[in-house]
Amino acid sequence: MREGNFFGESCLTGDANRRDFAYAMDEFVQVLEMDATVVLTVMRNNFAFAQSLLHFLGERLRYTENQLENVVLKDSKSRIMEFLHQMGIEQGRRIGFETLVKHNMTHQDIADLTGTSRQMVTAVLNQLKRSNVLYFNRKKILFRDLSTLSMAV
């Protein structure tokens, strides 16, 4: 989840049991809980809100389809590389030609999100570091040139 996202939207379709969960990656997270009946009422009375929600759900579906496609059709290294590239695009801050991503993710977190092993994540990151494509430590990843990431390995 990123800033401004929401989860648990399956309750809007009548799911009685929650399947979603989340945990905070830092101490600055704020969570707003909303009753499903209130959200449905707002959707009925505010077309712009309903349209925004549908747009978000469509994006979430496309993201999920892409993740499934990646797991089925791509190897571990490609999934990790694509994840890093997307992370740079979505969370990165440009510093000249470089892109800085501050994060609190462990190698295991990245492995879980890419359907790979922690060892594979470590190997790919170390290979990218040796190739001077990026620099990383526990709190940040500095991409030397984000556009060359896909061609690096």
Foldseek 3Di string as FASTA:
>chain_A
DDPPDDDPCVVLVPDPDGPDDDDDQDDPDDDDDDDSVVLVVCVVVPVVSVVVVVVNVVVVVVVVVVLVCCVVPHDQLLLLLVVVLVQQVPAWDDDPQKTKHFGQDQLCNSCVSNVHHSVSSVVSVVQCVVLVQWDDDRTMIMGNHSVCSNVRD
